[in-house]
Protein backbone atom coordinates (compact mmCIF):
# COMPACT_ATOMS: atom_id res chain seq x y z
CA MET A 1 -0.12 0.41 0.36
CA ASN A 2 1.51 3.21 -0.62
CA GLU A 3 1.84 6.16 1.12
CA MET A 4 -0.08 8.44 0.15
CA ARG A 5 -3.19 5.59 0.41
CA LYS A 6 -2.01 5.11 4.00
CA ILE A 7 -2.11 8.58 5.01
CA TYR A 8 -5.81 8.77 3.39
CA LEU A 9 -6.92 6.06 5.36
CA ARG A 10 -5.56 7.53 8.31
CA ARG A 11 -7.52 10.56 8.10
CA ASN A 12 -10.89 9.19 6.94
CA THR A 13 -10.62 6.46 9.29
CA LEU A 14 -9.86 9.07 12.18
CA MET A 15 -12.47 11.70 11.22
CA SER A 16 -14.89 9.32 10.72
CA ILE A 17 -14.38 8.03 14.53
CA VAL A 18 -14.76 11.28 15.75
CA PHE A 19 -17.81 11.81 13.67
CA GLU A 20 -19.65 8.92 15.16
CA ILE A 21 -18.78 9.59 18.39
CA LEU A 22 -20.27 13.23 18.69
CA THR A 23 -23.58 11.84 16.41
CA ILE A 24 -23.51 9.01 19.46
CA ILE A 25 -23.21 11.71 22.15
CA CYS A 26 -25.19 14.29 20.38
CA GLY A 27 -28.31 11.86 19.25
CA PHE A 28 -28.41 10.56 22.98
CA ILE A 29 -28.79 14.50 24.49
CA LEU A 30 -31.08 16.07 21.83
CA PRO A 31 -33.84 13.03 22.05
CA ARG A 32 -33.60 13.40 25.88
CA TYR A 33 -34.20 16.82 25.67
CA ILE A 34 -37.47 16.09 23.21
CA LEU A 35 -38.90 13.30 25.62
CA LEU A 36 -38.53 15.23 28.80
CA TYR A 37 -39.82 18.82 27.52
CA PHE A 38 -42.34 17.33 24.65
CA GLY A 39 -43.02 13.99 25.64
CA SER A 40 -43.10 10.35 24.09
CA ASP A 41 -45.55 10.72 21.51
CA THR A 42 -43.60 14.03 19.73
CA ASN A 43 -40.65 12.37 19.54
CA GLY A 44 -42.41 9.79 18.43
CA LEU A 45 -43.71 11.60 15.58
CA VAL A 46 -40.46 13.38 14.73
CA SER A 47 -38.94 9.51 14.56
CA SER A 48 -41.70 8.83 12.20
CA ILE A 49 -41.35 11.78 10.32
CA SER A 50 -37.55 11.67 9.79
CA GLN A 51 -38.42 7.52 8.73
CA PHE A 52 -40.99 8.65 6.07
CA LEU A 53 -39.04 11.56 4.48
CA GLY A 54 -36.21 8.75 4.20
CA PHE A 55 -38.04 6.70 1.94
CA ILE A 56 -37.30 9.83 -0.71
CA SER A 57 -33.75 7.83 -0.78
CA LEU A 58 -35.62 5.10 -2.64
CA CYS A 59 -35.67 7.15 -5.60
CA GLU A 60 -31.72 7.05 -5.91
CA LEU A 61 -31.73 4.16 -7.15
CA GLY A 62 -28.75 2.89 -5.71
CA MET A 63 -26.33 5.85 -7.45
CA GLY A 64 -24.75 6.90 -3.75
CA ALA A 65 -23.11 3.42 -4.16
CA VAL A 66 -22.66 3.63 -8.26
CA VAL A 67 -21.27 6.90 -8.59
CA PRO A 68 -18.07 5.97 -6.21
CA ALA A 69 -17.71 2.65 -8.23
CA SER A 70 -17.57 4.93 -11.70
CA LEU A 71 -15.02 7.37 -10.41
CA TYR A 72 -12.51 4.76 -8.77
CA LYS A 73 -10.91 4.18 -12.32
CA PRO A 74 -10.64 7.85 -13.51
CA LEU A 75 -9.39 8.98 -10.30
CA ALA A 76 -6.89 6.47 -10.46
CA GLU A 77 -5.65 7.51 -14.09
CA ASN A 78 -6.39 11.42 -13.20
CA ASN A 79 -9.08 11.65 -16.42
CA GLN A 80 -10.44 14.96 -15.77
CA ASN A 81 -12.74 14.37 -18.90
CA LYS A 82 -14.30 11.34 -17.53
CA ILE A 83 -14.16 12.46 -14.14
CA SER A 84 -16.23 15.78 -14.87
CA SER A 85 -18.68 13.76 -17.55
CA ILE A 86 -19.49 11.30 -14.43
CA VAL A 87 -19.90 14.36 -11.55
CA VAL A 88 -22.42 16.33 -14.40
CA SER A 89 -24.38 12.94 -14.81
CA ALA A 90 -24.66 12.33 -11.19
CA GLN A 91 -25.80 16.55 -10.73
CA ARG A 92 -28.65 15.92 -13.30
CA PHE A 93 -30.00 12.95 -11.89
CA TYR A 94 -29.69 13.78 -8.15
CA ARG A 95 -31.53 17.19 -9.18
CA PHE A 96 -34.18 15.28 -10.72
CA ILE A 97 -34.16 13.34 -7.44
CA GLY A 98 -34.82 16.89 -5.90
CA ILE A 99 -37.75 17.63 -7.89
CA LEU A 100 -39.48 14.32 -6.81
CA MET A 101 -38.53 14.99 -3.68
CA LEU A 102 -41.13 18.19 -3.61
CA ILE A 103 -44.07 16.14 -4.91
CA TYR A 104 -43.28 13.20 -2.15
CA ILE A 105 -43.27 15.88 0.66
CA ALA A 106 -46.64 17.63 -0.98
CA ALA A 107 -48.32 13.81 -1.03
CA LEU A 108 -46.62 13.05 3.11
CA ILE A 109 -48.20 16.32 3.61
CA ALA A 110 -51.46 15.51 2.80
CA PHE A 111 -51.99 11.95 3.92
CA TYR A 112 -49.46 11.45 7.30
CA PRO A 113 -51.31 14.03 9.57
CA ASN A 114 -54.61 11.19 9.31
CA LEU A 115 -52.46 8.58 10.71
CA VAL A 116 -51.41 10.34 13.87
CA LYS A 117 -54.93 12.41 13.99
CA ASP A 118 -55.53 11.04 17.43
CA SER A 119 -52.76 12.41 18.92
CA PHE A 120 -52.06 15.64 16.66
CA ASN A 121 -54.05 18.18 14.46
CA PHE A 122 -53.19 18.50 10.79
CA THR A 123 -51.52 21.75 10.92
CA PHE A 124 -49.08 20.66 13.64
CA THR A 125 -48.00 17.61 12.16
CA ALA A 126 -48.27 19.20 7.93
CA SER A 127 -46.03 22.31 9.12
CA LEU A 128 -43.63 19.68 10.93
CA ILE A 129 -43.44 17.58 7.79
CA GLY A 130 -42.51 20.94 5.92
CA ILE A 131 -39.46 22.23 7.93
CA VAL A 132 -37.67 18.49 8.79
CA SER A 133 -37.59 18.34 5.19
CA ILE A 134 -35.84 21.49 4.21
CA SER A 135 -32.11 19.94 4.94
CA ILE A 136 -32.78 16.76 3.35
CA PHE A 137 -33.96 18.31 0.00
CA ALA A 138 -30.99 20.49 -0.04
CA GLN A 139 -28.48 17.61 0.43
CA TYR A 140 -30.06 16.22 -3.19
CA PHE A 141 -30.51 19.22 -4.62
CA PHE A 142 -26.86 21.00 -3.96
CA GLY A 143 -24.25 18.82 -2.35
CA ILE A 144 -24.60 14.97 -2.45
CA THR A 145 -22.76 14.70 -5.46
CA TYR A 146 -19.68 16.24 -4.54
CA SER A 147 -19.87 14.37 -1.00
CA LEU A 148 -19.55 11.00 -3.45
CA LEU A 149 -16.31 12.65 -5.34
CA LEU A 150 -15.07 13.37 -2.29
CA LYS A 151 -15.58 9.65 -0.67
CA ALA A 152 -14.42 7.99 -4.45
CA ASP A 153 -10.83 10.46 -4.09
CA GLN A 154 -10.29 9.03 -0.39
CA LYS A 155 -10.95 12.65 0.88
CA GLN A 156 -14.30 11.66 3.07
CA TYR A 157 -12.49 12.69 5.99
CA ILE A 158 -13.98 16.93 4.61
CA SER A 159 -17.44 15.71 4.48
CA PHE A 160 -16.83 14.19 8.30
CA ILE A 161 -15.64 17.29 9.42
CA VAL A 162 -18.28 19.87 8.33
CA ASN A 163 -20.65 17.12 9.33
CA SER A 164 -19.24 17.34 12.68
CA VAL A 165 -19.12 21.08 13.29
CA THR A 166 -22.92 21.42 11.98
CA LEU A 167 -23.98 18.29 14.35
CA VAL A 168 -22.16 19.95 17.59
CA LEU A 169 -23.37 23.48 16.42
CA ASN A 170 -26.98 22.08 15.96
CA THR A 171 -27.36 19.91 19.38
CA LEU A 172 -26.00 22.98 20.98
CA ILE A 173 -28.82 25.37 19.99
CA SER A 174 -31.07 22.90 19.76
CA VAL A 175 -31.13 21.96 23.39
CA ALA A 176 -30.94 25.92 24.29
CA LEU A 177 -34.15 27.03 22.19
CA ILE A 178 -36.25 24.00 24.06
CA LYS A 179 -35.01 25.05 27.36
CA TRP A 180 -35.86 28.72 26.64
CA GLY A 181 -39.54 27.20 25.88
CA TYR A 182 -39.43 27.29 21.97
CA SER A 183 -41.98 25.10 20.18
CA ILE A 184 -40.82 22.17 18.47
CA HIS A 185 -41.32 23.43 15.13
CA THR A 186 -38.91 26.79 15.96
CA VAL A 187 -36.40 24.06 17.07
CA LYS A 188 -36.70 21.89 13.74
CA LEU A 189 -36.53 24.85 11.64
CA VAL A 190 -33.29 26.42 13.12
CA SER A 191 -31.66 22.44 12.58
CA ALA A 192 -32.55 22.77 9.24
CA ILE A 193 -31.17 25.98 8.31
CA ILE A 194 -27.81 24.54 10.13
CA PHE A 195 -27.97 21.69 8.07
CA VAL A 196 -28.46 23.37 5.14
CA ALA A 197 -24.77 25.16 5.46
CA ARG A 198 -23.07 20.85 4.85
CA PRO A 199 -23.93 20.67 1.13
CA PHE A 200 -22.70 24.73 0.41
CA PHE A 201 -19.34 23.94 2.23
CA LEU A 202 -18.69 20.76 0.27
CA THR A 203 -19.70 22.94 -2.87
CA ILE A 204 -17.13 25.53 -2.03
CA TYR A 205 -13.94 22.74 -1.39
CA VAL A 206 -14.64 21.01 -4.56
CA LYS A 207 -14.62 23.80 -7.03
CA LYS A 208 -11.44 25.16 -4.92
CA HIS A 209 -9.75 21.73 -5.28
CA TYR A 210 -10.90 20.15 -8.27
CA ALA A 211 -10.75 21.23 -11.86
CA LEU A 212 -14.04 19.89 -12.74
CA ASN A 213 -15.59 21.23 -16.38
CA LEU A 214 -19.63 21.36 -15.11
CA GLU A 215 -20.01 22.33 -19.17
CA ILE A 216 -19.03 19.21 -20.63
CA LYS A 217 -20.76 17.53 -23.04
CA TYR A 218 -21.18 14.26 -23.08
CA LYS A 219 -22.52 11.55 -26.02
CA ASP A 220 -22.75 8.13 -23.91
CA GLU A 221 -23.73 8.02 -20.43
CA PRO A 222 -20.89 8.16 -18.39
CA ILE A 223 -22.10 6.13 -15.67
CA LYS A 224 -22.26 2.78 -17.29
CA GLN A 225 -24.38 1.15 -14.13
CA LYS A 226 -26.27 3.61 -13.73
CA TRP A 227 -29.26 1.48 -13.03
CA ASN A 228 -27.48 -1.64 -11.73
CA GLY A 229 -27.70 -0.34 -7.97
CA ILE A 230 -31.07 -0.41 -7.79
CA ALA A 231 -31.62 -3.69 -5.62
CA GLN A 232 -29.17 -2.79 -3.04
CA HIS A 233 -30.21 0.56 -2.45
CA LEU A 234 -33.47 -0.84 -2.10
CA ALA A 235 -32.44 -3.22 0.43
CA SER A 236 -30.45 -1.14 2.14
CA THR A 237 -33.48 2.26 2.30
CA VAL A 238 -36.47 -0.52 3.87
CA GLN A 239 -34.21 -2.29 6.22
CA GLU A 240 -33.46 0.89 7.55
CA LYS A 241 -36.73 2.48 7.47
CA THR A 242 -38.84 -1.00 7.72
CA ASP A 243 -39.53 -1.11 11.53
CA THR A 244 -40.75 2.03 12.11
CA ILE A 245 -43.20 2.06 9.26
CA ILE A 246 -44.55 -1.03 10.40
CA LEU A 247 -44.74 0.21 14.31
CA THR A 248 -46.09 3.86 12.61
CA LEU A 249 -48.89 1.62 10.56
CA PHE A 250 -49.84 -1.25 12.96
CA SER A 251 -48.78 0.27 16.36
CA THR A 252 -48.56 3.18 18.63
CA LEU A 253 -46.79 6.17 18.77
CA LEU A 254 -45.35 5.22 21.87
CA ASN A 255 -43.68 2.17 20.42
CA VAL A 256 -42.18 4.10 17.68
CA SER A 257 -40.31 6.07 20.45
CA VAL A 258 -39.25 3.28 22.41
CA TYR A 259 -37.71 1.71 19.35
CA GLY A 260 -36.25 5.18 18.36
CA VAL A 261 -34.59 5.32 21.84
CA TYR A 262 -33.31 1.40 21.60
CA PHE A 263 -32.31 2.07 18.14
CA MET A 264 -30.27 5.29 18.91
CA VAL A 265 -28.25 3.55 21.14
CA ILE A 266 -27.75 0.39 19.10
CA ASN A 267 -27.58 2.06 15.88
CA GLY A 268 -24.97 4.66 17.11
CA MET A 269 -22.44 1.35 18.02
CA ARG A 270 -23.26 0.82 14.61
CA GLY A 271 -21.90 3.65 13.50
CA LEU A 272 -18.74 3.55 15.86
CA VAL A 273 -17.77 0.08 13.72
CA TYR A 274 -18.83 1.42 10.53
CA SER A 275 -16.49 4.93 10.98
CA LEU A 276 -13.72 2.17 11.12
CA THR A 277 -14.46 1.37 7.50
CA ALA A 278 -14.02 4.86 6.12
CA GLY A 279 -11.86 4.99 3.54
CA MET A 280 -11.91 0.79 2.78
CA SER A 281 -14.35 1.41 0.28
CA ALA A 282 -12.24 3.71 -1.87
CA LEU A 283 -8.72 1.74 -1.00
CA ILE A 284 -10.47 -1.52 -2.19
CA GLY A 285 -11.67 0.26 -5.46
CA ASN A 286 -8.17 1.81 -5.90
CA MET A 287 -6.81 -1.72 -5.84
CA LEU A 288 -9.46 -3.58 -8.06
CA ALA A 289 -9.02 -0.34 -10.88
CA ARG A 290 -4.90 -1.40 -10.43
CA ASN A 291 -5.51 -5.13 -10.42
CA GLU A 292 -3.93 -5.68 -7.12
CA LYS A 293 -5.12 -9.15 -6.56
CA LYS A 294 -2.69 -10.05 -3.94
CA GLU A 295 -2.40 -7.22 -1.87
CA LEU A 296 -6.18 -7.19 -2.19
CA VAL A 297 -6.54 -10.75 -0.72
CA ALA A 298 -4.01 -9.61 2.24
CA VAL A 299 -6.08 -6.27 3.14
CA PHE A 300 -9.75 -8.17 3.03
CA GLU A 301 -8.56 -11.02 5.33
CA LYS A 302 -7.24 -8.47 7.92
CA PHE A 303 -10.15 -6.20 7.43
CA GLU A 304 -12.67 -9.07 8.04
CA TRP A 305 -11.14 -10.30 11.30
CA VAL A 306 -11.17 -6.37 12.41
CA MET A 307 -14.83 -6.48 11.54
CA HIS A 308 -15.89 -9.59 13.09
CA THR A 309 -13.81 -9.07 16.16
CA LEU A 310 -14.88 -5.62 16.91
CA THR A 311 -18.40 -5.95 16.21
CA THR A 312 -18.15 -9.26 18.38
CA LEU A 313 -16.69 -7.26 21.42
CA ILE A 314 -19.23 -4.18 20.75
CA PHE A 315 -22.53 -5.56 20.32
CA THR A 316 -22.38 -8.16 23.15
CA ILE A 317 -21.39 -5.20 25.56
CA THR A 318 -24.17 -3.37 23.99
CA GLY A 319 -26.55 -6.33 24.44
CA LEU A 320 -25.60 -6.36 27.93
CA LEU A 321 -25.81 -2.75 29.09
CA VAL A 322 -28.55 -1.18 26.76
CA VAL A 323 -31.15 -1.95 28.95
CA PRO A 324 -29.59 -0.34 31.66
CA PHE A 325 -28.54 2.73 30.14
CA VAL A 326 -32.37 3.40 28.58
CA GLN A 327 -33.41 2.69 32.24
CA VAL A 328 -31.46 5.79 32.95
CA TYR A 329 -31.49 7.58 30.08
CA THR A 330 -35.74 7.66 30.58
CA ASN A 331 -35.83 8.30 34.54
CA GLY A 332 -38.19 10.96 34.78
CA ILE A 333 -40.27 10.39 32.20
CA SER A 334 -43.82 9.57 33.15
CA ASP A 335 -43.86 6.58 30.78
CA ALA A 336 -40.54 5.22 31.81
CA ASN A 337 -41.81 1.65 32.74
CA ASP A 338 -42.86 1.04 28.81
CA TYR A 339 -38.98 1.76 27.72
CA ILE A 340 -37.48 -1.02 29.72
CA VAL A 341 -37.96 -4.50 26.63
CA PRO A 342 -34.98 -6.53 27.27
CA GLY A 343 -36.08 -8.99 24.78
CA PHE A 344 -36.36 -6.30 21.77
CA ALA A 345 -33.24 -4.87 23.09
CA LEU A 346 -31.58 -8.19 22.99
CA ILE A 347 -32.53 -9.27 19.41
CA MET A 348 -31.78 -5.94 17.60
CA SER A 349 -28.63 -5.87 19.09
CA ILE A 350 -27.92 -9.20 17.49
CA ALA A 351 -29.64 -7.85 14.58
CA ILE A 352 -27.22 -4.79 14.00
CA ALA A 353 -24.72 -6.84 14.76
CA ALA A 354 -25.02 -8.82 11.84
CA ARG A 355 -25.56 -5.90 9.47
CA CYS A 356 -21.89 -4.87 10.78
CA ILE A 357 -20.68 -8.36 10.28
CA GLN A 358 -22.14 -7.83 6.41
CA MET A 359 -20.03 -4.71 5.63
CA PRO A 360 -16.42 -6.34 4.68
CA TYR A 361 -18.46 -8.55 1.89
CA ASN A 362 -20.47 -5.65 0.87
CA VAL A 363 -17.57 -3.33 0.53
CA VAL A 364 -15.71 -5.28 -1.66
CA VAL A 365 -19.05 -6.29 -4.01
CA GLN A 366 -19.60 -2.95 -4.32
CA ALA A 367 -16.45 -1.79 -4.99
CA ALA A 368 -15.90 -4.19 -7.71
CA GLY A 369 -19.19 -3.31 -9.25
CA HIS A 370 -21.19 -6.21 -9.05
CA PHE A 371 -24.70 -4.78 -8.33
CA LYS A 372 -26.79 -6.26 -11.22
CA GLU A 373 -24.77 -9.81 -10.03
CA THR A 374 -26.10 -9.39 -6.53
CA GLN A 375 -29.87 -7.76 -6.94
CA ALA A 376 -32.07 -11.07 -6.83
CA SER A 377 -30.52 -11.06 -2.85
CA ALA A 378 -30.84 -7.56 -2.01
CA ILE A 379 -35.05 -8.18 -3.28
CA ILE A 380 -35.39 -10.72 -0.94
CA GLU A 381 -33.67 -9.45 2.22
CA PRO A 382 -36.42 -6.67 2.81
CA VAL A 383 -39.35 -9.18 1.58
CA VAL A 384 -38.05 -11.28 4.25
CA ASN A 385 -37.91 -8.55 6.59
CA ILE A 386 -41.20 -7.07 5.81
CA MET A 387 -43.38 -10.34 5.69
CA ILE A 388 -42.09 -11.45 9.07
CA SER A 389 -42.77 -8.07 10.81
CA VAL A 390 -45.84 -7.78 9.76
CA ILE A 391 -47.12 -10.93 11.09
CA MET A 392 -44.95 -10.53 14.05
CA VAL A 393 -46.14 -7.07 15.26
CA PHE A 394 -49.62 -7.54 15.76
CA LYS A 395 -48.81 -10.30 18.73
CA PHE A 396 -45.15 -9.36 19.71
CA GLY A 397 -44.96 -5.91 19.11
CA LEU A 398 -41.59 -4.17 18.91
CA VAL A 399 -39.87 -7.80 19.83
CA GLY A 400 -42.10 -9.21 15.98
CA VAL A 401 -40.12 -6.53 13.93
CA ALA A 402 -36.84 -7.39 15.71
CA ILE A 403 -37.18 -10.85 14.54
CA GLY A 404 -38.13 -9.74 10.90
CA THR A 405 -35.33 -7.79 10.99
CA LEU A 406 -32.60 -9.97 12.49
CA VAL A 407 -33.86 -12.92 10.12
CA SER A 408 -33.45 -10.83 7.00
CA MET A 409 -29.79 -9.85 7.96
CA ILE A 410 -28.89 -13.36 8.84
CA TYR A 411 -29.58 -14.28 5.41
CA ARG A 412 -28.05 -11.23 3.58
CA VAL A 413 -24.99 -11.87 5.46
CA LEU A 414 -24.69 -15.39 4.41
CA TYR A 415 -25.33 -14.67 0.77
CA LEU A 416 -22.41 -11.80 0.57
CA ALA A 417 -19.92 -13.90 2.00
CA PHE A 418 -20.66 -16.93 -0.30
CA TYR A 419 -20.81 -14.72 -3.35
CA LEU A 420 -17.55 -12.98 -2.76
CA MET A 421 -15.90 -16.11 -2.05
CA LYS A 422 -17.05 -18.08 -5.39
CA ASN A 423 -16.90 -14.46 -7.98
CA ILE A 424 -14.24 -12.03 -6.49
CA ILE A 425 -11.85 -12.66 -3.60
CA TYR A 426 -11.90 -16.84 -4.01
CA ILE A 427 -11.28 -17.92 -0.67
CA LYS A 428 -12.02 -21.33 1.40
CA ALA A 429 -15.38 -20.92 3.07
CA GLY A 430 -13.79 -22.70 5.98
CA SER A 431 -12.24 -19.37 6.73
CA PHE A 432 -15.68 -17.95 7.02
CA PHE A 433 -16.68 -20.58 9.37
CA LYS A 434 -13.73 -20.42 11.32
CA GLN A 435 -14.75 -16.37 12.39
CA LEU A 436 -17.77 -17.19 12.87
CA LEU A 437 -16.91 -19.73 15.58
CA ALA A 438 -14.30 -17.39 17.18
CA ASP A 439 -17.52 -14.76 17.07
CA SER A 440 -19.85 -17.75 18.81
CA MET A 441 -17.11 -18.61 21.54
CA SER A 442 -16.34 -15.01 21.99
CA ALA A 443 -19.83 -13.75 22.89
CA PHE A 444 -20.75 -16.59 24.83
CA ILE A 445 -17.89 -16.76 27.09
CA MET A 446 -18.22 -12.77 27.61
CA VAL A 447 -21.84 -12.91 28.07
CA PHE A 448 -21.08 -16.16 31.24
CA SER A 449 -18.59 -14.57 32.75
CA VAL A 450 -20.07 -10.76 33.58
CA SER A 451 -23.45 -12.80 34.48
CA PHE A 452 -22.62 -12.32 38.32
CA ILE A 453 -22.32 -8.68 38.01
CA ASN A 454 -25.29 -6.65 39.14
CA ILE A 455 -26.14 -4.05 36.22
CA ASN A 456 -29.34 -2.98 37.75
CA VAL A 457 -28.20 1.13 37.94
CA ASP A 458 -29.46 4.69 38.74
CA SER A 459 -27.38 6.97 37.76
CA TYR A 460 -24.99 7.88 35.04
CA ILE A 461 -22.32 7.80 37.35
CA LYS A 462 -23.32 4.05 38.50
CA TRP A 463 -24.03 2.74 34.55
CA ILE A 464 -20.26 4.08 33.37
CA GLY A 465 -18.93 2.24 36.57
CA VAL A 466 -20.48 -0.98 35.33
CA ALA A 467 -19.49 -0.45 31.69
CA ILE A 468 -16.02 0.19 32.41
CA VAL A 469 -15.94 -2.91 34.51
CA ILE A 470 -17.79 -5.14 31.76
CA THR A 471 -16.04 -3.44 29.17
CA PHE A 472 -12.37 -4.70 31.01
CA ILE A 473 -13.59 -8.21 31.31
CA CYS A 474 -14.98 -8.73 28.13
CA GLY A 475 -12.18 -6.91 26.06
CA ILE A 476 -9.43 -9.22 27.88
CA GLU A 477 -11.82 -12.13 26.96
CA CYS A 478 -11.97 -11.24 23.16
CA ILE A 479 -8.44 -10.96 22.74
CA GLY A 480 -7.49 -14.30 24.45
CA ILE A 481 -9.80 -16.06 22.29
CA ASN A 482 -8.55 -14.20 19.01
CA ILE A 483 -4.85 -14.99 20.27
CA ILE A 484 -6.30 -18.71 19.85
CA PHE A 485 -7.89 -18.45 16.81
CA TYR A 486 -5.92 -15.88 15.12
CA LYS A 487 -2.76 -15.49 16.60
CA LYS A 488 -0.90 -13.40 13.98
CA TYR A 489 -3.64 -10.83 13.80
CA ALA A 490 -4.30 -10.53 17.10
CA ILE A 491 -0.41 -10.24 18.40
CA SER A 492 0.46 -7.55 15.33
CA SER A 493 -2.64 -5.45 16.82
CA ILE A 494 -1.72 -5.59 20.22
CA ASN A 495 1.73 -4.49 19.26
CA LEU A 496 0.60 -1.51 16.83
CA PHE A 497 -1.45 -0.32 20.05
CA ILE A 498 1.18 -0.71 22.20
CA ASN A 499 3.69 1.27 19.92
CA LYS A 500 1.11 3.99 19.27
CA LEU A 501 1.09 4.53 23.38
CA ILE A 502 4.70 4.91 23.61
CA ARG A 503 4.67 7.23 20.98
CA ILE A 504 2.19 9.41 22.47
CA GLY A 505 3.72 8.67 26.13
CA GLY A 506 6.68 9.94 24.42
CA ARG A 507 5.79 12.94 23.05
């Protein structure tokens, strides 16, 4: 791996981790204030509206993955005309999506308020939809293409910096407005204005650092696989939105709020794991473009081990600690007892862990441009999720939709792993099963070893104390298991960590 790729990978990873940590912290703070000052129904309404608006990304048709995949080769070859053509084509596409979004927002304003009319009047709900949609519209109409260009060019850290600054600013101002007694509409309007700044900053950076010809004309479509990412994108979007939509349609806003609180925590952990993959897609895409097969296999095997190991450790700890955290988080809320749902917490932790384990296989498949070849399984995944969730939500509520999510995600990770082994990387299936065995043994030993610890806490200080003890025990055990199964990777990672501490201490 050449030096510049290492530098970009470190920058992307570092800023991704910083952004995800800030996302987790801010994600805990703001909903807490909404719950305290506006109640569970309003929190559930905001969460539900955000998920419904998120469905506009279905119209994106997978371009978020296809555009970077199309840019890897021309960026590696420094082909400015090809880069400009792809950017212009993508801009036209996303501006069309922006127009479609206006139509979708109008339809949502007309029909969605009827779903929650027992809790909120039409004007309240319709105006909130319009406000929340402002920043999403700006993203599609102005900035998303430049964000994808930076991602493909291994400079995603620029986006992370902009996103981090606006995220912190939004949280500080929103909390202040809530405490000063402003309405939820005012709070969300100010948030929208802050987030609109993101695409404008990215536009300024790209125009300054890239010699793009935005007036370029082309005869043939420069994005060859423009329509081949549809299935993967549908799968991703439906997987993200299905649970909240089904709960909105067939359950209560209280359950939507409960789901939102747990998902905030568990998804925050997923973001932390995902942050370690920032730059990997561009790195692997660059290797594929240069046909560096031997180096690619070595990078992938280490990438796979890191993702499996960290996912197992982080989500075992999350499964143990999420209910006590929610118990403290919802303390003082009138319906706090309704938020204690350990079965749902356990199943969702496993489901999101499966999504994280899927990441290394999905990254390589997308970087290789195998969208069309894997689209059948991508369609099956959300179908399985919807069918099981709809059937089970009536009897099991939150647990029912969690089961649907878990089954569909397990199917998808198994499919992608075996597809990758047979069609791109060509490694033996035994290595995958060995990794799953190490994951299972680690999780079992970690859960068993801390089962004697009392995790019933009533304050953040006590929760942090318990979390430190459990994390320390689980971390030691996870390292031990991986020294048995993956001695080379485990020892090299420990040495790398120790050397970094020595360098930091020596400064």
